[in-house]
Amino acid sequence: MSRQRIAFTSACKVRRRRKIEKYRTSVIEFMSGDDNSRQNPGKKEKLKFKGETHQTRTLDDYLKNLNRKYIGENADVKLSSFVESDQPTSD
């Protein structure tokens, strides 16, 4: 690959990451709502991520239906960005 192609590829990745980060907090708050997911009972049903402990949650509906509901309430987001925003990163 040429240097220009490598620079272009990394610039695209940076733009993509910024776009995902823009919606991340909004999507996580939406998914954590009591009308969209349930908190699992039990002391051992927790996740530790970046030094914080969170109780695990189970979604009440399919991601595609939750995406439709999110679009109805908030800004327009594609399904792929919606799904990637929900995933924790290993940064």
PDB file of N, CA and C in Angstrom:
ATOM      1  N   MET A   1       0.830  -1.174   0.000  1.00  0.00           N
ATOM      2  CA  MET A   1       0.000   0.000   0.000  1.00  0.00           C
ATOM      3  C   MET A   1       0.876   1.239   0.000  1.00  0.00           C
ATOM      4  N   SER A   2       0.416   2.239  -0.685  1.00  0.00           N
ATOM      5  CA  SER A   2       1.155   3.491  -0.723  1.00  0.00           C
ATOM      6  C   SER A   2       0.895   4.284   0.557  1.00  0.00           C
ATOM      7  N   ARG A   3       1.741   5.287   0.786  1.00  0.00           N
ATOM      8  CA  ARG A   3       1.579   6.115   1.988  1.00  0.00           C
ATOM      9  C   ARG A   3       0.259   6.885   1.970  1.00  0.00           C
ATOM     10  N   GLN A   4      -0.130   7.326   0.777  1.00  0.00           N
ATOM     11  CA  GLN A   4      -1.398   8.069   0.680  1.00  0.00           C
ATOM     12  C   GLN A   4      -2.581   7.172   1.039  1.00  0.00           C
ATOM     13  N   ARG A   5      -2.534   5.940   0.594  1.00  0.00           N
ATOM     14  CA  ARG A   5      -3.621   5.007   0.879  1.00  0.00           C
ATOM     15  C   ARG A   5      -3.688   4.698   2.378  1.00  0.00           C
ATOM     16  N   ILE A   6      -2.547   4.526   3.010  1.00  0.00           N
ATOM     17  CA  ILE A   6      -2.504   4.264   4.448  1.00  0.00           C
ATOM     18  C   ILE A   6      -3.055   5.457   5.213  1.00  0.00           C
ATOM     19  N   ALA A   7      -2.671   6.671   4.825  1.00  0.00           N
ATOM     20  CA  ALA A   7      -3.163   7.879   5.495  1.00  0.00           C
ATOM     21  C   ALA A   7      -4.669   8.015   5.316  1.00  0.00           C
ATOM     22  N   PHE A   8      -5.163   7.710   4.110  1.00  0.00           N
ATOM     23  CA  PHE A   8      -6.597   7.785   3.840  1.00  0.00           C
ATOM     24  C   PHE A   8      -7.362   6.769   4.690  1.00  0.00           C
ATOM     25  N   THR A   9      -6.820   5.548   4.784  1.00  0.00           N
ATOM     26  CA  THR A   9      -7.463   4.499   5.563  1.00  0.00           C
ATOM     27  C   THR A   9      -7.537   4.879   7.038  1.00  0.00           C
ATOM     28  N   SER A  10      -6.445   5.417   7.573  1.00  0.00           N
ATOM     29  CA  SER A  10      -6.461   5.780   8.990  1.00  0.00           C
ATOM     30  C   SER A  10      -7.396   6.972   9.233  1.00  0.00           C
ATOM     31  N   ALA A  11      -7.483   7.893   8.288  1.00  0.00           N
ATOM     32  CA  ALA A  11      -8.403   9.026   8.424  1.00  0.00           C
ATOM     33  C   ALA A  11      -9.853   8.542   8.424  1.00  0.00           C
ATOM     34  N   CYS A  12     -10.157   7.548   7.612  1.00  0.00           N
ATOM     35  CA  CYS A  12     -11.510   6.981   7.584  1.00  0.00           C
ATOM     36  C   CYS A  12     -11.843   6.307   8.912  1.00  0.00           C
ATOM     37  N   LYS A  13     -10.856   5.603   9.472  1.00  0.00           N
ATOM     38  CA  LYS A  13     -11.082   4.948  10.756  1.00  0.00           C
ATOM     39  C   LYS A  13     -11.325   5.973  11.855  1.00  0.00           C
ATOM     40  N   VAL A  14     -10.602   7.083  11.826  1.00  0.00           N
ATOM     41  CA  VAL A  14     -10.780   8.132  12.829  1.00  0.00           C
ATOM     42  C   VAL A  14     -12.173   8.738  12.701  1.00  0.00           C
ATOM     43  N   ARG A  15     -12.608   9.023  11.477  1.00  0.00           N
ATOM     44  CA  ARG A  15     -13.944   9.580  11.269  1.00  0.00           C
ATOM     45  C   ARG A  15     -15.026   8.615  11.743  1.00  0.00           C
ATOM     46  N   ARG A  16     -14.844   7.346  11.458  1.00  0.00           N
ATOM     47  CA  ARG A  16     -15.814   6.321  11.867  1.00  0.00           C
ATOM     48  C   ARG A  16     -15.891   6.236  13.398  1.00  0.00           C
ATOM     49  N   ARG A  17     -14.721   6.261  14.053  1.00  0.00           N
ATOM     50  CA  ARG A  17     -14.692   6.185  15.511  1.00  0.00           C
ATOM     51  C   ARG A  17     -15.370   7.398  16.143  1.00  0.00           C
ATOM     52  N   ARG A  18     -15.131   8.589  15.597  1.00  0.00           N
ATOM     53  CA  ARG A  18     -15.779   9.797  16.116  1.00  0.00           C
ATOM     54  C   ARG A  18     -17.291   9.716  15.985  1.00  0.00           C
ATOM     55  N   LYS A  19     -17.738   9.183  14.855  1.00  0.00           N
ATOM     56  CA  LYS A  19     -19.177   9.060  14.620  1.00  0.00           C
ATOM     57  C   LYS A  19     -19.804   8.103  15.623  1.00  0.00           C
ATOM     58  N   ILE A  20     -19.144   6.994  15.911  1.00  0.00           N
ATOM     59  CA  ILE A  20     -19.652   6.023  16.863  1.00  0.00           C
ATOM     60  C   ILE A  20     -19.651   6.609  18.266  1.00  0.00           C
ATOM     61  N   GLU A  21     -18.590   7.297  18.650  1.00  0.00           N
ATOM     62  CA  GLU A  21     -18.503   7.899  19.980  1.00  0.00           C
ATOM     63  C   GLU A  21     -19.584   8.959  20.189  1.00  0.00           C
ATOM     64  N   LYS A  22     -19.973   9.605  19.115  1.00  0.00           N
ATOM     65  CA  LYS A  22     -21.006  10.637  19.187  1.00  0.00           C
ATOM     66  C   LYS A  22     -22.334  10.066  19.691  1.00  0.00           C
ATOM     67  N   TYR A  23     -22.656   8.852  19.259  1.00  0.00           N
ATOM     68  CA  TYR A  23     -23.926   8.239  19.619  1.00  0.00           C
ATOM     69  C   TYR A  23     -23.826   7.272  20.799  1.00  0.00           C
ATOM     70  N   ARG A  24     -22.624   6.923  21.214  1.00  0.00           N
ATOM     71  CA  ARG A  24     -22.423   5.874  22.213  1.00  0.00           C
ATOM     72  C   ARG A  24     -23.200   6.122  23.515  1.00  0.00           C
ATOM     73  N   THR A  25     -23.038   7.296  24.105  1.00  0.00           N
ATOM     74  CA  THR A  25     -23.698   7.544  25.389  1.00  0.00           C
ATOM     75  C   THR A  25     -25.217   7.538  25.248  1.00  0.00           C
ATOM     76  N   SER A  26     -25.701   8.085  24.169  1.00  0.00           N
ATOM     77  CA  SER A  26     -27.139   8.124  23.936  1.00  0.00           C
ATOM     78  C   SER A  26     -27.716   6.717  23.795  1.00  0.00           C
ATOM     79  N   VAL A  27     -27.028   5.869  23.063  1.00  0.00           N
ATOM     80  CA  VAL A  27     -27.504   4.499  22.838  1.00  0.00           C
ATOM     81  C   VAL A  27     -27.431   3.689  24.129  1.00  0.00           C
ATOM     82  N   ILE A  28     -26.361   3.844  24.894  1.00  0.00           N
ATOM     83  CA  ILE A  28     -26.217   3.091  26.140  1.00  0.00           C
ATOM     84  C   ILE A  28     -27.301   3.494  27.141  1.00  0.00           C
ATOM     85  N   GLU A  29     -27.590   4.776  27.226  1.00  0.00           N
ATOM     86  CA  GLU A  29     -28.674   5.217  28.105  1.00  0.00           C
ATOM     87  C   GLU A  29     -30.024   4.647  27.657  1.00  0.00           C
ATOM     88  N   PHE A  30     -30.233   4.625  26.346  1.00  0.00           N
ATOM     89  CA  PHE A  30     -31.470   4.076  25.800  1.00  0.00           C
ATOM     90  C   PHE A  30     -31.595   2.589  26.125  1.00  0.00           C
ATOM     91  N   MET A  31     -30.519   1.838  25.906  1.00  0.00           N
ATOM     92  CA  MET A  31     -30.539   0.401  26.163  1.00  0.00           C
ATOM     93  C   MET A  31     -30.682   0.081  27.648  1.00  0.00           C
ATOM     94  N   SER A  32     -30.177   0.945  28.509  1.00  0.00           N
ATOM     95  CA  SER A  32     -30.226   0.696  29.954  1.00  0.00           C
ATOM     96  C   SER A  32     -31.573   1.071  30.569  1.00  0.00           C
ATOM     97  N   GLY A  33     -32.438   1.665  29.801  1.00  0.00           N
ATOM     98  CA  GLY A  33     -33.754   2.045  30.317  1.00  0.00           C
ATOM     99  C   GLY A  33     -34.566   0.825  30.720  1.00  0.00           C
ATOM    100  N   ASP A  34     -35.413   0.974  31.732  1.00  0.00           N
ATOM    101  CA  ASP A  34     -36.201  -0.154  32.228  1.00  0.00           C
ATOM    102  C   ASP A  34     -37.237  -0.649  31.226  1.00  0.00           C
ATOM    103  N   ASP A  35     -37.638   0.198  30.281  1.00  0.00           N
ATOM    104  CA  ASP A  35     -38.606  -0.257  29.285  1.00  0.00           C
ATOM    105  C   ASP A  35     -37.953  -1.022  28.139  1.00  0.00           C
ATOM    106  N   ASN A  36     -36.617  -1.007  28.039  1.00  0.00           N
ATOM    107  CA  ASN A  36     -35.910  -1.699  26.953  1.00  0.00           C
ATOM    108  C   ASN A  36     -35.108  -2.905  27.425  1.00  0.00           C
ATOM    109  N   SER A  37     -34.791  -2.975  28.710  1.00  0.00           N
ATOM    110  CA  SER A  37     -34.014  -4.101  29.229  1.00  0.00           C
ATOM    111  C   SER A  37     -34.343  -4.326  30.701  1.00  0.00           C
ATOM    112  N   ARG A  38     -33.977  -5.507  31.171  1.00  0.00           N
ATOM    113  CA  ARG A  38     -34.186  -5.857  32.570  1.00  0.00           C
ATOM    114  C   ARG A  38     -32.846  -6.119  33.229  1.00  0.00           C
ATOM    115  N   GLN A  39     -32.753  -5.748  34.487  1.00  0.00           N
ATOM    116  CA  GLN A  39     -31.539  -6.005  35.242  1.00  0.00           C
ATOM    117  C   GLN A  39     -31.611  -7.425  35.779  1.00  0.00           C
ATOM    118  N   ASN A  40     -30.536  -8.188  35.582  1.00  0.00           N
ATOM    119  CA  ASN A  40     -30.512  -9.566  36.048  1.00  0.00           C
ATOM    120  C   ASN A  40     -30.326  -9.617  37.562  1.00  0.00           C
ATOM    121  N   PRO A  41     -31.062 -10.500  38.235  1.00  0.00           N
ATOM    122  CA  PRO A  41     -30.895 -10.625  39.679  1.00  0.00           C
ATOM    123  C   PRO A  41     -29.647 -11.448  39.992  1.00  0.00           C
ATOM    124  N   GLY A  42     -29.187 -11.350  41.187  1.00  0.00           N
ATOM    125  CA  GLY A  42     -28.060 -12.172  41.610  1.00  0.00           C
ATOM    126  C   GLY A  42     -26.819 -11.351  41.857  1.00  0.00           C
ATOM    127  N   LYS A  43     -26.091 -11.779  42.877  1.00  0.00           N
ATOM    128  CA  LYS A  43     -24.895 -11.065  43.275  1.00  0.00           C
ATOM    129  C   LYS A  43     -23.755 -11.255  42.274  1.00  0.00           C
ATOM    130  N   LYS A  44     -23.694 -12.432  41.651  1.00  0.00           N
ATOM    131  CA  LYS A  44     -22.581 -12.737  40.749  1.00  0.00           C
ATOM    132  C   LYS A  44     -22.840 -12.324  39.303  1.00  0.00           C
ATOM    133  N   GLU A  45     -23.997 -11.799  39.005  1.00  0.00           N
ATOM    134  CA  GLU A  45     -24.307 -11.392  37.637  1.00  0.00           C
ATOM    135  C   GLU A  45     -23.921  -9.941  37.433  1.00  0.00           C
ATOM    136  N   LYS A  46     -22.633  -9.712  37.364  1.00  0.00           N
ATOM    137  CA  LYS A  46     -22.122  -8.361  37.175  1.00  0.00           C
ATOM    138  C   LYS A  46     -20.913  -8.397  36.259  1.00  0.00           C
ATOM    139  N   LEU A  47     -20.628  -7.266  35.640  1.00  0.00           N
ATOM    140  CA  LEU A  47     -19.478  -7.106  34.766  1.00  0.00           C
ATOM    141  C   LEU A  47     -18.585  -6.009  35.308  1.00  0.00           C
ATOM    142  N   LYS A  48     -17.297  -6.223  35.220  1.00  0.00           N
ATOM    143  CA  LYS A  48     -16.351  -5.200  35.632  1.00  0.00           C
ATOM    144  C   LYS A  48     -15.689  -4.675  34.358  1.00  0.00           C
ATOM    145  N   PHE A  49     -15.832  -3.376  34.118  1.00  0.00           N
ATOM    146  CA  PHE A  49     -15.306  -2.764  32.897  1.00  0.00           C
ATOM    147  C   PHE A  49     -14.685  -1.427  33.252  1.00  0.00           C
ATOM    148  N   LYS A  50     -13.404  -1.291  32.964  1.00  0.00           N
ATOM    149  CA  LYS A  50     -12.642  -0.068  33.254  1.00  0.00           C
ATOM    150  C   LYS A  50     -12.753   0.339  34.718  1.00  0.00           C
ATOM    151  N   GLY A  51     -12.652  -0.640  35.608  1.00  0.00           N
ATOM    152  CA  GLY A  51     -12.671  -0.365  37.038  1.00  0.00           C
ATOM    153  C   GLY A  51     -14.047  -0.145  37.637  1.00  0.00           C
ATOM    154  N   GLU A  52     -15.082  -0.137  36.826  1.00  0.00           N
ATOM    155  CA  GLU A  52     -16.450   0.050  37.312  1.00  0.00           C
ATOM    156  C   GLU A  52     -17.202  -1.272  37.230  1.00  0.00           C
ATOM    157  N   THR A  53     -18.054  -1.508  38.207  1.00  0.00           N
ATOM    158  CA  THR A  53     -18.857  -2.728  38.231  1.00  0.00           C
ATOM    159  C   THR A  53     -20.295  -2.380  37.860  1.00  0.00           C
ATOM    160  N   HIS A  54     -20.841  -3.142  36.914  1.00  0.00           N
ATOM    161  CA  HIS A  54     -22.210  -2.931  36.450  1.00  0.00           C
ATOM    162  C   HIS A  54     -22.969  -4.245  36.522  1.00  0.00           C
ATOM    163  N   GLN A  55     -24.221  -4.172  36.941  1.00  0.00           N
ATOM    164  CA  GLN A  55     -25.092  -5.339  36.937  1.00  0.00           C
ATOM    165  C   GLN A  55     -25.467  -5.651  35.492  1.00  0.00           C
ATOM    166  N   THR A  56     -25.484  -6.917  35.123  1.00  0.00           N
ATOM    167  CA  THR A  56     -25.808  -7.283  33.747  1.00  0.00           C
ATOM    168  C   THR A  56     -27.289  -7.038  33.475  1.00  0.00           C
ATOM    169  N   ARG A  57     -27.592  -6.776  32.199  1.00  0.00           N
ATOM    170  CA  ARG A  57     -28.965  -6.508  31.777  1.00  0.00           C
ATOM    171  C   ARG A  57     -29.300  -7.403  30.592  1.00  0.00           C
ATOM    172  N   THR A  58     -30.571  -7.739  30.459  1.00  0.00           N
ATOM    173  CA  THR A  58     -31.061  -8.549  29.349  1.00  0.00           C
ATOM    174  C   THR A  58     -32.033  -7.706  28.539  1.00  0.00           C
ATOM    175  N   LEU A  59     -31.817  -7.659  27.217  1.00  0.00           N
ATOM    176  CA  LEU A  59     -32.697  -6.876  26.355  1.00  0.00           C
ATOM    177  C   LEU A  59     -34.068  -7.523  26.261  1.00  0.00           C
ATOM    178  N   ASP A  60     -35.103  -6.696  26.202  1.00  0.00           N
ATOM    179  CA  ASP A  60     -36.475  -7.189  26.134  1.00  0.00           C
ATOM    180  C   ASP A  60     -36.957  -7.449  24.711  1.00  0.00           C
ATOM    181  N   ASP A  61     -36.208  -6.979  23.721  1.00  0.00           N
ATOM    182  CA  ASP A  61     -36.653  -7.109  22.334  1.00  0.00           C
ATOM    183  C   ASP A  61     -35.432  -7.311  21.436  1.00  0.00           C
ATOM    184  N   TYR A  62     -35.676  -7.592  20.161  1.00  0.00           N
ATOM    185  CA  TYR A  62     -34.590  -7.733  19.193  1.00  0.00           C
ATOM    186  C   TYR A  62     -33.952  -6.376  18.922  1.00  0.00           C
ATOM    187  N   LEU A  63     -32.662  -6.389  18.537  1.00  0.00           N
ATOM    188  CA  LEU A  63     -31.945  -5.142  18.266  1.00  0.00           C
ATOM    189  C   LEU A  63     -32.596  -4.338  17.150  1.00  0.00           C
ATOM    190  N   LYS A  64     -33.112  -5.013  16.140  1.00  0.00           N
ATOM    191  CA  LYS A  64     -33.739  -4.301  15.025  1.00  0.00           C
ATOM    192  C   LYS A  64     -34.969  -3.522  15.502  1.00  0.00           C
ATOM    193  N   ASN A  65     -35.772  -4.137  16.373  1.00  0.00           N
ATOM    194  CA  ASN A  65     -36.953  -3.449  16.907  1.00  0.00           C
ATOM    195  C   ASN A  65     -36.551  -2.316  17.849  1.00  0.00           C
ATOM    196  N   LEU A  66     -35.511  -2.534  18.645  1.00  0.00           N
ATOM    197  CA  LEU A  66     -35.024  -1.471  19.525  1.00  0.00           C
ATOM    198  C   LEU A  66     -34.463  -0.312  18.713  1.00  0.00           C
ATOM    199  N   ASN A  67     -33.834  -0.626  17.577  1.00  0.00           N
ATOM    200  CA  ASN A  67     -33.316   0.425  16.703  1.00  0.00           C
ATOM    201  C   ASN A  67     -34.464   1.269  16.159  1.00  0.00           C
ATOM    202  N   ARG A  68     -35.540   0.640  15.750  1.00  0.00           N
ATOM    203  CA  ARG A  68     -36.707   1.385  15.255  1.00  0.00           C
ATOM    204  C   ARG A  68     -37.271   2.297  16.346  1.00  0.00           C
ATOM    205  N   LYS A  69     -37.329   1.774  17.555  1.00  0.00           N
ATOM    206  CA  LYS A  69     -37.832   2.554  18.682  1.00  0.00           C
ATOM    207  C   LYS A  69     -36.899   3.732  18.977  1.00  0.00           C
ATOM    208  N   TYR A  70     -35.594   3.498  18.893  1.00  0.00           N
ATOM    209  CA  TYR A  70     -34.608   4.561  19.137  1.00  0.00           C
ATOM    210  C   TYR A  70     -34.717   5.661  18.090  1.00  0.00           C
ATOM    211  N   ILE A  71     -34.859   5.276  16.841  1.00  0.00           N
ATOM    212  CA  ILE A  71     -34.990   6.255  15.763  1.00  0.00           C
ATOM    213  C   ILE A  71     -36.267   7.080  15.947  1.00  0.00           C
ATOM    214  N   GLY A  72     -37.330   6.443  16.439  1.00  0.00           N
ATOM    215  CA  GLY A  72     -38.566   7.165  16.693  1.00  0.00           C
ATOM    216  C   GLY A  72     -38.414   8.212  17.790  1.00  0.00           C
ATOM    217  N   GLU A  73     -37.546   7.953  18.759  1.00  0.00           N
ATOM    218  CA  GLU A  73     -37.363   8.871  19.882  1.00  0.00           C
ATOM    219  C   GLU A  73     -36.223   9.866  19.668  1.00  0.00           C
ATOM    220  N   ASN A  74     -35.199   9.478  18.924  1.00  0.00           N
ATOM    221  CA  ASN A  74     -33.978  10.281  18.810  1.00  0.00           C
ATOM    222  C   ASN A  74     -33.585  10.502  17.358  1.00  0.00           C
ATOM    223  N   ALA A  75     -32.342  10.876  17.169  1.00  0.00           N
ATOM    224  CA  ALA A  75     -31.818  11.174  15.837  1.00  0.00           C
ATOM    225  C   ALA A  75     -31.723   9.909  14.982  1.00  0.00           C
ATOM    226  N   ASP A  76     -31.525  10.107  13.698  1.00  0.00           N
ATOM    227  CA  ASP A  76     -31.408   9.007  12.747  1.00  0.00           C
ATOM    228  C   ASP A  76     -30.041   8.345  12.859  1.00  0.00           C
ATOM    229  N   VAL A  77     -30.043   7.062  13.171  1.00  0.00           N
ATOM    230  CA  VAL A  77     -28.813   6.285  13.294  1.00  0.00           C
ATOM    231  C   VAL A  77     -29.012   4.986  12.550  1.00  0.00           C
ATOM    232  N   LYS A  78     -28.007   4.567  11.776  1.00  0.00           N
ATOM    233  CA  LYS A  78     -28.102   3.299  11.071  1.00  0.00           C
ATOM    234  C   LYS A  78     -27.982   2.146  12.065  1.00  0.00           C
ATOM    235  N   LEU A  79     -28.482   0.992  11.680  1.00  0.00           N
ATOM    236  CA  LEU A  79     -28.464  -0.174  12.551  1.00  0.00           C
ATOM    237  C   LEU A  79     -27.042  -0.577  12.916  1.00  0.00           C
ATOM    238  N   SER A  80     -26.103  -0.508  11.970  1.00  0.00           N
ATOM    239  CA  SER A  80     -24.722  -0.908  12.256  1.00  0.00           C
ATOM    240  C   SER A  80     -24.083   0.001  13.305  1.00  0.00           C
ATOM    241  N   SER A  81     -24.316   1.305  13.205  1.00  0.00           N
ATOM    242  CA  SER A  81     -23.778   2.239  14.203  1.00  0.00           C
ATOM    243  C   SER A  81     -24.448   2.021  15.550  1.00  0.00           C
ATOM    244  N   PHE A  82     -25.728   1.711  15.518  1.00  0.00           N
ATOM    245  CA  PHE A  82     -26.490   1.462  16.742  1.00  0.00           C
ATOM    246  C   PHE A  82     -25.927   0.245  17.471  1.00  0.00           C
ATOM    247  N   VAL A  83     -25.644  -0.825  16.741  1.00  0.00           N
ATOM    248  CA  VAL A  83     -25.137  -2.051  17.346  1.00  0.00           C
ATOM    249  C   VAL A  83     -23.702  -1.840  17.845  1.00  0.00           C
ATOM    250  N   GLU A  84     -22.861  -1.160  17.069  1.00  0.00           N
ATOM    251  CA  GLU A  84     -21.484  -0.921  17.484  1.00  0.00           C
ATOM    252  C   GLU A  84     -21.420  -0.008  18.698  1.00  0.00           C
ATOM    253  N   SER A  85     -22.353   0.898  18.832  1.00  0.00           N
ATOM    254  CA  SER A  85     -22.367   1.802  19.976  1.00  0.00           C
ATOM    255  C   SER A  85     -22.667   1.070  21.269  1.00  0.00           C
ATOM    256  N   ASP A  86     -23.386  -0.007  21.184  1.00  0.00           N
ATOM    257  CA  ASP A  86     -23.745  -0.756  22.373  1.00  0.00           C
ATOM    258  C   ASP A  86     -22.601  -1.615  22.882  1.00  0.00           C
ATOM    259  N   GLN A  87     -21.636  -1.957  22.026  1.00  0.00           N
ATOM    260  CA  GLN A  87     -20.550  -2.842  22.418  1.00  0.00           C
ATOM    261  C   GLN A  87     -19.488  -2.103  23.222  1.00  0.00           C
ATOM    262  N   PRO A  88     -19.009  -2.659  24.340  1.00  0.00           N
ATOM    263  CA  PRO A  88     -17.901  -2.033  25.064  1.00  0.00           C
ATOM    264  C   PRO A  88     -16.609  -2.136  24.264  1.00  0.00           C
ATOM    265  N   THR A  89     -15.754  -1.152  24.370  1.00  0.00           N
ATOM    266  CA  THR A  89     -14.489  -1.168  23.664  1.00  0.00           C
ATOM    267  C   THR A  89     -13.376  -1.542  24.614  1.00  0.00           C
ATOM    268  N   SER A  90     -12.258  -1.961  24.082  1.00  0.00           N
ATOM    269  CA  SER A  90     -11.121  -2.354  24.908  1.00  0.00           C
ATOM    270  C   SER A  90     -10.035  -1.298  24.908  1.00  0.00           C
ATOM    271  N   ASP A  91     -10.410  -0.012  24.808  1.00  0.00           N
ATOM    272  CA  ASP A  91      -9.426   1.078  24.793  1.00  0.00           C
ATOM    273  C   ASP A  91      -8.713   1.224  26.103  1.00  0.00           C
TER     274      ASP A  91
END
